[in-house]
């Protein structure tokens, strides 16, 4: 990006320019003090000196004509950032580039967006690239963020709804490798899979086998086979008496 903007004026809601001298070995920062766009500053470490340089930020009405799709999530704003002459803002000439931007707090409850989900996407090589983004401050009206980037082009500030479907995610996932199919029911109305837990049983003997019968306080049931032995002895005694 650089050397002016290829974006049609009809798609530019507002724009702001900033200038500074770009010198090798000295961090370059462009501050946008008029607050005409969500971008607060652009900075990078130049690998060569190019003198006085202009950076342009455009806030767009819709997605840029230079992109063919939308990034993931809800888009807060589409912006273009152009730094210096065409072909300057590349990894060959700059490093450690960053974009500082802000998001209105009112946007989060209005759209149902999780403030921790804010990301800056950059459109490069015909696809959206998710940039490392971190919250760096807030005031009464805005949350402030910074993202690292390798270059400048069309960008989009996005957010996601909170993950409220925790039950479905935790029950239907099979991260431990256990087979849940035999222990799981499917609720056809909601699509939520519910695992029902019951008492542990011996898979062979069943739930009752092996339990001792209650015969009284401190008394235990006879051991298996004891009754048969008693009957056998009594029968023997009767036979001897008859003889």
Protein backbone atom coordinates (compact mmCIF):
# COMPACT_ATOMS: atom_id res chain seq x y z
CA UNK A 1 0.00 0.00 0.00
CA UNK A 2 1.11 3.54 -0.67
CA UNK A 3 1.29 6.27 -3.27
CA UNK A 4 -2.31 7.38 -2.76
CA UNK A 5 -5.46 5.30 -2.58
CA UNK A 6 -7.17 3.18 -5.25
CA UNK A 7 -10.41 3.22 -3.22
CA UNK A 8 -13.32 5.05 -4.94
CA UNK A 9 -14.22 8.27 -3.14
CA UNK A 10 -17.84 7.14 -2.98
CA UNK A 11 -16.84 4.35 -0.56
CA UNK A 12 -14.74 6.58 1.72
CA UNK A 13 -16.70 7.91 4.69
CA UNK A 14 -13.75 9.83 6.15
CA UNK A 15 -9.97 9.87 6.00
CA UNK A 16 -6.99 11.34 7.81
CA UNK A 17 -3.35 11.94 6.92
CA UNK A 18 -0.24 12.01 9.11
CA UNK A 19 3.39 12.75 8.21
CA UNK A 20 6.75 12.03 9.82
CA UNK A 21 10.39 11.55 8.80
CA UNK A 22 11.34 7.93 8.26
CA UNK A 23 14.97 7.29 9.19
CA UNK A 24 16.81 3.98 9.39
CA UNK A 25 17.36 2.94 13.01
CA UNK A 26 14.66 5.25 14.44
CA UNK A 27 11.12 4.07 15.20
CA UNK A 28 8.59 5.80 12.94
CA UNK A 29 5.14 6.63 14.32
CA UNK A 30 2.19 8.33 12.66
CA UNK A 31 -0.43 9.73 15.09
CA UNK A 32 -3.92 10.56 13.88
CA UNK A 33 -5.04 13.26 16.29
CA UNK A 34 -8.25 14.35 14.53
CA UNK A 35 -9.85 10.97 15.34
CA UNK A 36 -11.55 10.87 11.95
CA UNK A 37 -11.22 7.07 11.76
CA UNK A 38 -10.88 4.25 14.33
CA UNK A 39 -7.09 4.20 13.78
CA UNK A 40 -5.12 6.11 16.42
CA UNK A 41 -1.59 5.45 15.20
CA UNK A 42 0.63 3.43 12.87
CA UNK A 43 4.23 2.59 13.72
CA UNK A 44 7.14 0.52 12.46
CA UNK A 45 10.95 0.24 12.46
CA UNK A 46 12.34 1.29 9.06
CA UNK A 47 15.21 -0.62 7.47
CA UNK A 48 16.18 2.36 5.30
CA UNK A 49 15.78 6.13 5.30
CA UNK A 50 13.20 7.64 2.96
CA UNK A 51 12.69 11.11 4.45
CA UNK A 52 9.31 12.74 5.01
CA UNK A 53 6.58 10.16 4.55
CA UNK A 54 2.78 10.37 4.46
CA UNK A 55 0.39 7.76 5.82
CA UNK A 56 -3.30 7.79 4.83
CA UNK A 57 -6.10 6.07 6.76
CA UNK A 58 -9.54 5.72 5.18
CA UNK A 59 -12.70 4.67 7.02
CA UNK A 60 -15.03 3.02 4.51
CA UNK A 61 -18.79 2.85 4.12
CA UNK A 62 -18.60 -0.80 3.08
CA UNK A 63 -15.88 -3.33 2.44
CA UNK A 64 -13.08 -2.17 0.16
CA UNK A 65 -13.43 -2.71 -3.58
CA UNK A 66 -10.01 -4.37 -3.34
CA UNK A 67 -11.32 -7.35 -1.36
CA UNK A 68 -13.53 -10.20 -2.54
CA UNK A 69 -15.02 -11.41 0.74
CA UNK A 70 -15.68 -10.58 4.37
CA UNK A 71 -13.61 -11.78 7.34
CA UNK A 72 -15.02 -13.94 10.12
CA UNK A 73 -17.22 -12.36 12.76
CA UNK A 74 -19.14 -9.09 12.98
CA UNK A 75 -17.33 -6.19 11.26
CA UNK A 76 -17.06 -3.02 13.30
CA UNK A 77 -15.29 -0.96 10.62
CA UNK A 78 -13.51 -1.42 7.30
CA UNK A 79 -10.39 0.74 6.90
CA UNK A 80 -7.57 1.17 4.40
CA UNK A 81 -4.04 2.12 5.50
CA UNK A 82 -1.52 3.35 2.92
CA UNK A 83 2.06 4.16 3.97
CA UNK A 84 4.54 6.07 1.80
CA UNK A 85 5.09 5.52 -1.88
CA UNK A 86 3.83 2.43 -3.64
CA UNK A 87 5.92 -0.63 -2.73
CA UNK A 88 7.60 0.91 0.31
CA UNK A 89 5.66 -0.72 3.19
CA UNK A 90 6.93 -4.28 2.74
CA UNK A 91 8.96 -6.59 5.01
CA UNK A 92 12.00 -5.70 2.92
CA UNK A 93 11.82 -2.07 4.09
CA UNK A 94 10.03 -2.16 7.47
CA UNK A 95 9.66 -4.43 10.50
CA UNK A 96 7.81 -4.55 13.83
CA UNK A 97 4.83 -2.75 12.31
CA UNK A 98 1.76 -2.11 14.49
CA UNK A 99 -1.66 -0.49 14.24
CA UNK A 100 -3.37 1.12 17.22
CA UNK A 101 -7.16 1.45 17.01
CA UNK A 102 -10.23 1.94 19.20
CA UNK A 103 -13.77 0.51 19.36
CA UNK A 104 -16.78 2.24 20.86
CA UNK A 105 -18.01 0.50 24.01
CA UNK A 106 -21.63 0.97 22.94
CA UNK A 107 -21.03 -1.35 19.96
CA UNK A 108 -20.58 -4.43 22.16
CA UNK A 109 -24.03 -4.58 23.82
CA UNK A 110 -25.68 -3.25 20.66
CA UNK A 111 -24.40 -6.18 18.57
CA UNK A 112 -23.99 -8.72 21.37
CA UNK A 113 -20.21 -8.87 20.94
CA UNK A 114 -17.68 -10.16 23.47
CA UNK A 115 -15.08 -7.38 24.07
CA UNK A 116 -12.36 -10.02 24.46
CA UNK A 117 -12.99 -11.28 20.91
CA UNK A 118 -11.90 -8.11 19.05
CA UNK A 119 -9.45 -8.78 16.23
CA UNK A 120 -7.90 -6.84 13.38
CA UNK A 121 -7.85 -8.63 10.03
CA UNK A 122 -5.65 -7.66 7.10
CA UNK A 123 -6.44 -8.50 3.50
CA UNK A 124 -3.31 -9.79 1.76
CA UNK A 125 -2.67 -12.27 -1.06
CA UNK A 126 -6.41 -12.46 -1.80
CA UNK A 127 -7.40 -13.64 1.69
CA UNK A 128 -8.04 -12.27 5.19
CA UNK A 129 -5.23 -12.75 7.68
CA UNK A 130 -6.04 -12.63 11.39
CA UNK A 131 -3.54 -10.41 13.20
CA UNK A 132 -2.25 -10.76 16.74
CA UNK A 133 -4.38 -8.27 18.68
CA UNK A 134 -4.18 -7.14 22.32
CA UNK A 135 -6.24 -4.77 24.43
CA UNK A 136 -4.06 -1.92 25.69
CA UNK A 137 -6.44 0.45 27.49
CA UNK A 138 -9.90 1.94 27.85
CA UNK A 139 -11.77 5.06 28.87
CA UNK A 140 -15.43 5.90 29.37
CA UNK A 141 -16.21 5.71 25.66
CA UNK A 142 -13.70 3.41 23.96
CA UNK A 143 -11.64 0.23 24.28
CA UNK A 144 -8.15 0.54 22.79
CA UNK A 145 -6.25 -2.20 20.95
CA UNK A 146 -2.99 -2.80 19.13
CA UNK A 147 -2.28 -5.33 16.37
CA UNK A 148 0.96 -6.46 14.77
CA UNK A 149 1.13 -6.52 10.98
CA UNK A 150 3.69 -7.22 8.27
CA UNK A 151 2.32 -4.59 5.89
CA UNK A 152 -0.49 -2.17 5.07
CA UNK A 153 -3.57 -2.61 2.88
CA UNK A 154 -7.32 -3.03 3.55
CA UNK A 155 -8.14 -3.95 7.17
CA UNK A 156 -11.28 -4.86 9.12
CA UNK A 157 -11.97 -4.57 12.85
CA UNK A 158 -14.13 -7.51 13.96
CA UNK A 159 -15.70 -9.15 17.00
CA UNK A 160 -17.53 -12.35 17.87
CA UNK A 161 -20.62 -13.21 19.93
CA UNK A 162 -19.96 -14.89 23.29
CA UNK A 163 -19.88 -18.70 23.21
CA UNK A 164 -23.16 -19.42 25.03
CA UNK A 165 -23.64 -23.02 23.79
CA UNK A 166 -21.35 -24.48 26.43
CA UNK A 167 -23.56 -27.54 27.14
CA UNK A 168 -23.50 -28.71 23.54
CA UNK A 169 -19.76 -28.13 23.18
CA UNK A 170 -18.88 -30.00 26.37
CA UNK A 171 -21.20 -32.96 25.87
CA UNK A 172 -20.84 -33.61 22.17
CA UNK A 173 -17.06 -33.18 22.06
CA UNK A 174 -15.00 -36.35 22.26
CA UNK A 175 -11.63 -34.95 23.20
CA UNK A 176 -10.76 -37.82 25.57
CA UNK A 177 -11.38 -40.48 22.93
CA UNK A 178 -14.23 -42.15 24.89
CA UNK A 179 -17.10 -43.57 22.88
CA UNK A 180 -20.15 -41.55 23.98
CA UNK A 181 -22.63 -43.09 21.56
CA UNK A 182 -23.87 -45.88 23.89
CA UNK A 183 -24.27 -43.52 26.88
CA UNK A 184 -25.77 -40.56 25.07
CA UNK A 185 -29.28 -39.59 24.11
CA UNK A 186 -30.21 -37.12 21.40
CA UNK A 187 -32.84 -34.49 21.96
CA UNK A 188 -34.41 -34.22 18.50
CA UNK A 189 -36.00 -30.85 19.25
CA UNK A 190 -32.91 -28.97 20.36
CA UNK A 191 -30.05 -31.03 18.91
CA UNK A 192 -28.37 -31.09 22.33
CA UNK A 193 -26.81 -34.38 23.29
CA UNK A 194 -27.25 -35.17 26.99
CA UNK A 195 -25.23 -37.78 28.88
CA UNK A 196 -27.17 -39.38 31.73
CA UNK A 197 -25.23 -40.86 34.65
CA UNK A 198 -26.62 -43.72 36.81
CA UNK A 199 -25.33 -46.01 39.59
CA UNK A 200 -22.29 -48.06 38.79
CA UNK A 201 -23.03 -51.74 38.19
CA UNK A 202 -21.05 -54.86 37.50
CA UNK A 203 -21.35 -55.37 33.73
CA UNK A 204 -21.54 -59.15 34.22
CA UNK A 205 -23.30 -59.76 37.57
CA UNK A 206 -25.79 -56.88 37.36
CA UNK A 207 -26.71 -54.36 40.04
CA UNK A 208 -27.92 -56.84 42.78
CA UNK A 209 -25.51 -59.77 42.66
CA UNK A 210 -22.85 -59.80 45.37
CA UNK A 211 -24.89 -57.73 47.89
CA UNK A 212 -25.34 -59.12 51.38
CA UNK A 213 -28.89 -59.60 52.72
CA UNK A 214 -29.78 -57.85 55.93
CA UNK A 215 -30.56 -60.55 58.59
CA UNK A 216 -30.55 -58.40 61.65
CA UNK A 217 -28.19 -56.21 63.60
CA UNK A 218 -24.68 -57.50 63.11
CA UNK A 219 -25.88 -60.72 61.39
CA UNK A 220 -24.70 -61.61 57.92
CA UNK A 221 -26.32 -63.86 55.34
CA UNK A 222 -25.00 -67.43 55.09
CA UNK A 223 -22.21 -67.99 52.71
CA UNK A 224 -23.15 -69.43 49.29
CA UNK A 225 -23.60 -73.27 49.52
CA UNK A 226 -24.11 -73.40 53.32
CA UNK A 227 -27.81 -74.39 53.08
CA UNK A 228 -27.07 -77.31 50.79
CA UNK A 229 -24.48 -78.69 53.23
CA UNK A 230 -26.92 -78.58 56.17
CA UNK A 231 -29.60 -80.42 54.21
CA UNK A 232 -27.07 -83.10 53.23
CA UNK A 233 -26.02 -83.70 56.89
CA UNK A 234 -29.64 -83.94 58.09
CA UNK A 235 -30.43 -86.46 55.38
CA UNK A 236 -27.45 -88.57 56.47
CA UNK A 237 -28.62 -88.53 60.10
CA UNK A 238 -32.13 -89.69 59.13
CA UNK A 239 -30.69 -92.60 57.12
CA UNK A 240 -28.55 -93.78 60.07
CA UNK A 241 -31.56 -93.65 62.44
CA UNK A 242 -33.63 -95.85 60.13
CA UNK A 243 -30.90 -98.45 60.00
